[in-house]
Amino acid sequence: MTSQVITANALVEGDVVYLAHGGGWARSLSQAEVFADPASAESKLSAALARSGEVVGVYLMDVATDTGVPTPKHFREAFRQTGPSNKFHGKQADAQE
């Protein structure tokens, strides 16, 4: 089984978010709750899908945990976590500080 996290987009801001420990939404992948058990991942995914007033586009995302910090296994997910690509703003601008 591949380790997974739950990802979505925040409904109001549109930011990429990850389900964190305790059930909140984090904007950093490093704060995401990682699931190694498929049954736990599916259970949490069902609960997250029901939170339609907070997020949209909820799904499970494969991650590697070799370093102890989750990292995306797919290019699309690595690209999503950097923020919008049309301007230098949001997460991209914050990374420069």
N, C-alpha and C. Protein backbone atom coordinates (compact mmCIF):
# COMPACT_ATOMS: atom_id res chain seq x y z
N MET A 1 0.85 -1.19 0.00
CA MET A 1 0.00 0.00 0.00
C MET A 1 0.88 1.24 0.00
N THR A 2 0.54 2.15 -0.82
CA THR A 2 1.20 3.44 -0.87
C THR A 2 0.63 4.33 0.21
N SER A 3 1.46 5.12 0.83
CA SER A 3 0.96 6.10 1.80
C SER A 3 0.17 7.16 1.05
N GLN A 4 -0.87 7.67 1.70
CA GLN A 4 -1.73 8.66 1.08
C GLN A 4 -2.10 9.77 2.05
N VAL A 5 -2.45 10.92 1.49
CA VAL A 5 -3.02 12.03 2.24
C VAL A 5 -4.31 12.43 1.53
N ILE A 6 -5.14 13.19 2.21
CA ILE A 6 -6.36 13.70 1.59
C ILE A 6 -6.12 15.15 1.21
N THR A 7 -6.42 15.47 -0.03
CA THR A 7 -6.23 16.84 -0.53
C THR A 7 -7.53 17.35 -1.13
N ALA A 8 -7.62 18.66 -1.22
CA ALA A 8 -8.81 19.32 -1.77
C ALA A 8 -8.43 20.77 -2.08
N ASN A 9 -9.42 21.55 -2.46
CA ASN A 9 -9.24 22.98 -2.62
C ASN A 9 -10.18 23.69 -1.65
N ALA A 10 -9.66 24.67 -0.93
CA ALA A 10 -10.48 25.46 -0.01
C ALA A 10 -11.55 26.17 -0.82
N LEU A 11 -12.78 26.09 -0.36
CA LEU A 11 -13.91 26.62 -1.12
C LEU A 11 -13.82 28.12 -1.34
N VAL A 12 -13.49 28.88 -0.33
CA VAL A 12 -13.49 30.34 -0.45
C VAL A 12 -12.24 30.85 -1.15
N GLU A 13 -11.04 30.42 -0.72
CA GLU A 13 -9.80 30.94 -1.28
C GLU A 13 -9.33 30.21 -2.52
N GLY A 14 -9.70 28.95 -2.66
CA GLY A 14 -9.23 28.14 -3.78
C GLY A 14 -7.89 27.49 -3.55
N ASP A 15 -7.26 27.75 -2.39
CA ASP A 15 -5.95 27.18 -2.09
C ASP A 15 -6.01 25.66 -2.01
N VAL A 16 -4.90 25.02 -2.36
CA VAL A 16 -4.77 23.59 -2.15
C VAL A 16 -4.63 23.37 -0.65
N VAL A 17 -5.38 22.42 -0.12
CA VAL A 17 -5.32 22.12 1.31
C VAL A 17 -5.20 20.61 1.50
N TYR A 18 -4.75 20.25 2.69
CA TYR A 18 -4.54 18.84 3.05
C TYR A 18 -5.19 18.60 4.41
N LEU A 19 -5.83 17.45 4.57
CA LEU A 19 -6.44 17.11 5.85
C LEU A 19 -5.33 16.86 6.87
N ALA A 20 -5.38 17.60 7.96
CA ALA A 20 -4.36 17.51 9.00
C ALA A 20 -4.85 16.65 10.16
N HIS A 21 -3.94 16.28 11.03
CA HIS A 21 -4.32 15.58 12.26
C HIS A 21 -5.31 16.45 13.01
N GLY A 22 -6.34 15.87 13.57
CA GLY A 22 -7.34 16.63 14.29
C GLY A 22 -8.49 17.08 13.41
N GLY A 23 -8.37 16.87 12.09
CA GLY A 23 -9.49 17.15 11.20
C GLY A 23 -9.51 18.51 10.54
N GLY A 24 -8.57 19.37 10.85
CA GLY A 24 -8.53 20.68 10.20
C GLY A 24 -7.90 20.58 8.82
N TRP A 25 -7.94 21.69 8.09
CA TRP A 25 -7.33 21.75 6.76
C TRP A 25 -6.04 22.56 6.85
N ALA A 26 -4.94 21.99 6.38
CA ALA A 26 -3.64 22.66 6.39
C ALA A 26 -3.25 23.04 4.97
N ARG A 27 -2.56 24.15 4.82
CA ARG A 27 -2.11 24.58 3.50
C ARG A 27 -0.72 24.08 3.16
N SER A 28 -0.10 23.38 4.07
CA SER A 28 1.23 22.81 3.85
C SER A 28 1.14 21.28 3.90
N LEU A 29 1.71 20.64 2.90
CA LEU A 29 1.70 19.19 2.85
C LEU A 29 2.40 18.58 4.05
N SER A 30 3.39 19.27 4.59
CA SER A 30 4.12 18.75 5.75
C SER A 30 3.23 18.57 6.97
N GLN A 31 2.08 19.24 7.00
CA GLN A 31 1.15 19.14 8.14
C GLN A 31 0.03 18.13 7.90
N ALA A 32 0.05 17.47 6.75
CA ALA A 32 -1.02 16.53 6.41
C ALA A 32 -0.93 15.25 7.23
N GLU A 33 -2.09 14.69 7.52
CA GLU A 33 -2.14 13.37 8.15
C GLU A 33 -1.89 12.33 7.07
N VAL A 34 -0.93 11.44 7.30
CA VAL A 34 -0.57 10.41 6.33
C VAL A 34 -1.24 9.11 6.72
N PHE A 35 -1.85 8.47 5.73
CA PHE A 35 -2.54 7.19 5.95
C PHE A 35 -1.78 6.07 5.27
N ALA A 36 -1.44 5.04 6.04
CA ALA A 36 -0.80 3.86 5.49
C ALA A 36 -1.81 2.73 5.31
N ASP A 37 -2.94 2.85 5.98
CA ASP A 37 -3.97 1.82 5.95
C ASP A 37 -5.10 2.25 5.02
N PRO A 38 -5.42 1.46 3.98
CA PRO A 38 -6.46 1.84 3.02
C PRO A 38 -7.83 2.05 3.67
N ALA A 39 -8.19 1.25 4.65
CA ALA A 39 -9.50 1.39 5.29
C ALA A 39 -9.60 2.72 6.04
N SER A 40 -8.54 3.11 6.73
CA SER A 40 -8.54 4.40 7.43
C SER A 40 -8.61 5.55 6.45
N ALA A 41 -7.86 5.44 5.36
CA ALA A 41 -7.87 6.49 4.35
C ALA A 41 -9.26 6.66 3.74
N GLU A 42 -9.91 5.57 3.41
CA GLU A 42 -11.25 5.63 2.81
C GLU A 42 -12.27 6.19 3.80
N SER A 43 -12.16 5.81 5.06
CA SER A 43 -13.08 6.31 6.09
C SER A 43 -12.94 7.83 6.24
N LYS A 44 -11.71 8.31 6.34
CA LYS A 44 -11.48 9.75 6.47
C LYS A 44 -11.88 10.49 5.19
N LEU A 45 -11.67 9.84 4.04
CA LEU A 45 -12.06 10.45 2.77
C LEU A 45 -13.57 10.66 2.72
N SER A 46 -14.34 9.67 3.16
CA SER A 46 -15.80 9.80 3.19
C SER A 46 -16.24 10.97 4.06
N ALA A 47 -15.60 11.10 5.21
CA ALA A 47 -15.93 12.22 6.10
C ALA A 47 -15.54 13.56 5.47
N ALA A 48 -14.41 13.61 4.80
CA ALA A 48 -13.95 14.85 4.17
C ALA A 48 -14.87 15.24 3.00
N LEU A 49 -15.35 14.26 2.26
CA LEU A 49 -16.25 14.54 1.14
C LEU A 49 -17.56 15.19 1.61
N ALA A 50 -17.94 14.90 2.83
CA ALA A 50 -19.18 15.46 3.39
C ALA A 50 -19.02 16.92 3.81
N ARG A 51 -17.81 17.43 3.79
CA ARG A 51 -17.55 18.81 4.24
C ARG A 51 -17.59 19.78 3.06
N SER A 52 -18.65 19.70 2.28
CA SER A 52 -18.76 20.48 1.04
C SER A 52 -18.89 21.98 1.27
N GLY A 53 -19.14 22.41 2.48
CA GLY A 53 -19.19 23.83 2.78
C GLY A 53 -17.80 24.43 3.00
N GLU A 54 -16.78 23.58 3.07
CA GLU A 54 -15.41 24.03 3.33
C GLU A 54 -14.48 23.82 2.14
N VAL A 55 -14.63 22.68 1.47
CA VAL A 55 -13.69 22.29 0.41
C VAL A 55 -14.41 21.67 -0.77
N VAL A 56 -13.72 21.66 -1.91
CA VAL A 56 -14.21 20.99 -3.12
C VAL A 56 -13.08 20.15 -3.70
N GLY A 57 -13.43 19.18 -4.53
CA GLY A 57 -12.43 18.36 -5.21
C GLY A 57 -11.61 17.51 -4.27
N VAL A 58 -12.25 16.88 -3.31
CA VAL A 58 -11.56 16.09 -2.29
C VAL A 58 -11.17 14.72 -2.89
N TYR A 59 -9.91 14.33 -2.68
CA TYR A 59 -9.48 13.00 -3.13
C TYR A 59 -8.22 12.57 -2.39
N LEU A 60 -7.89 11.28 -2.52
CA LEU A 60 -6.68 10.73 -1.93
C LEU A 60 -5.51 10.96 -2.87
N MET A 61 -4.38 11.29 -2.29
CA MET A 61 -3.17 11.58 -3.06
C MET A 61 -2.03 10.69 -2.55
N ASP A 62 -1.33 10.02 -3.46
CA ASP A 62 -0.20 9.19 -3.09
C ASP A 62 1.00 10.05 -2.71
N VAL A 63 1.66 9.67 -1.62
CA VAL A 63 2.85 10.38 -1.17
C VAL A 63 3.95 9.40 -0.81
N ALA A 64 5.18 9.87 -0.89
CA ALA A 64 6.33 9.13 -0.38
C ALA A 64 6.64 9.69 1.01
N THR A 65 7.09 8.83 1.89
CA THR A 65 7.41 9.28 3.25
C THR A 65 8.82 8.87 3.65
N ASP A 66 9.70 8.71 2.67
CA ASP A 66 11.07 8.26 2.93
C ASP A 66 11.82 9.16 3.89
N THR A 67 11.58 10.46 3.82
CA THR A 67 12.30 11.41 4.65
C THR A 67 11.56 11.74 5.95
N GLY A 68 10.41 11.13 6.15
CA GLY A 68 9.60 11.44 7.31
C GLY A 68 8.60 12.55 7.06
N VAL A 69 8.76 13.24 5.94
CA VAL A 69 7.84 14.31 5.53
C VAL A 69 7.18 13.86 4.23
N PRO A 70 5.86 13.95 4.15
CA PRO A 70 5.21 13.51 2.91
C PRO A 70 5.62 14.37 1.71
N THR A 71 5.92 13.70 0.61
CA THR A 71 6.22 14.39 -0.65
C THR A 71 5.39 13.75 -1.75
N PRO A 72 4.90 14.55 -2.69
CA PRO A 72 4.05 14.02 -3.76
C PRO A 72 4.78 12.99 -4.61
N LYS A 73 4.06 11.98 -5.03
CA LYS A 73 4.63 10.97 -5.93
C LYS A 73 4.38 11.33 -7.39
N HIS A 74 3.47 12.22 -7.65
CA HIS A 74 3.11 12.56 -9.01
C HIS A 74 3.40 14.04 -9.28
N PHE A 75 3.86 14.33 -10.49
CA PHE A 75 4.18 15.71 -10.86
C PHE A 75 3.01 16.65 -10.65
N ARG A 76 1.81 16.21 -10.99
CA ARG A 76 0.62 17.07 -10.85
C ARG A 76 0.48 17.58 -9.42
N GLU A 77 0.69 16.71 -8.46
CA GLU A 77 0.53 17.08 -7.05
C GLU A 77 1.67 18.01 -6.60
N ALA A 78 2.86 17.78 -7.09
CA ALA A 78 3.97 18.68 -6.76
C ALA A 78 3.69 20.07 -7.32
N PHE A 79 3.13 20.13 -8.51
CA PHE A 79 2.79 21.40 -9.15
C PHE A 79 1.66 22.09 -8.39
N ARG A 80 0.64 21.35 -7.97
CA ARG A 80 -0.49 21.93 -7.24
C ARG A 80 -0.05 22.59 -5.95
N GLN A 81 0.91 22.00 -5.25
CA GLN A 81 1.28 22.54 -3.94
C GLN A 81 2.07 23.84 -4.04
N THR A 82 2.55 24.21 -5.22
CA THR A 82 3.29 25.47 -5.35
C THR A 82 2.37 26.66 -5.56
N GLY A 83 1.11 26.43 -5.83
CA GLY A 83 0.17 27.53 -6.00
C GLY A 83 -0.03 27.90 -7.45
N PRO A 84 -0.71 29.01 -7.71
CA PRO A 84 -1.04 29.40 -9.08
C PRO A 84 0.22 29.61 -9.93
N SER A 85 0.13 29.28 -11.20
CA SER A 85 1.28 29.44 -12.09
C SER A 85 1.15 30.67 -12.99
N ASN A 86 0.04 31.37 -12.91
CA ASN A 86 -0.18 32.49 -13.81
C ASN A 86 0.45 33.79 -13.33
N LYS A 87 0.78 33.90 -12.06
CA LYS A 87 1.40 35.10 -11.50
C LYS A 87 2.31 34.70 -10.36
N PHE A 88 3.20 35.60 -10.00
CA PHE A 88 4.07 35.34 -8.85
C PHE A 88 3.38 35.91 -7.61
N HIS A 89 2.51 35.10 -7.02
CA HIS A 89 1.79 35.52 -5.84
C HIS A 89 1.44 34.30 -5.00
N GLY A 90 0.80 34.52 -3.89
CA GLY A 90 0.38 33.41 -3.03
C GLY A 90 1.57 32.65 -2.48
N LYS A 91 1.53 31.33 -2.55
CA LYS A 91 2.58 30.49 -1.99
C LYS A 91 3.94 30.75 -2.63
N GLN A 92 3.93 31.10 -3.91
CA GLN A 92 5.21 31.36 -4.59
C GLN A 92 5.87 32.60 -4.02
N ALA A 93 5.13 33.66 -3.80
CA ALA A 93 5.68 34.89 -3.24
C ALA A 93 6.11 34.68 -1.80
N ASP A 94 5.32 33.91 -1.03
CA ASP A 94 5.65 33.65 0.35
C ASP A 94 6.96 32.91 0.49
N ALA A 95 7.29 32.04 -0.48
CA ALA A 95 8.52 31.26 -0.43
C ALA A 95 9.75 32.14 -0.59
N GLN A 96 9.62 33.32 -1.16
CA GLN A 96 10.73 34.23 -1.36
C GLN A 96 11.11 34.97 -0.09
N GLU A 97 10.23 35.04 0.87
CA GLU A 97 10.49 35.81 2.10
C GLU A 97 11.45 35.10 3.02
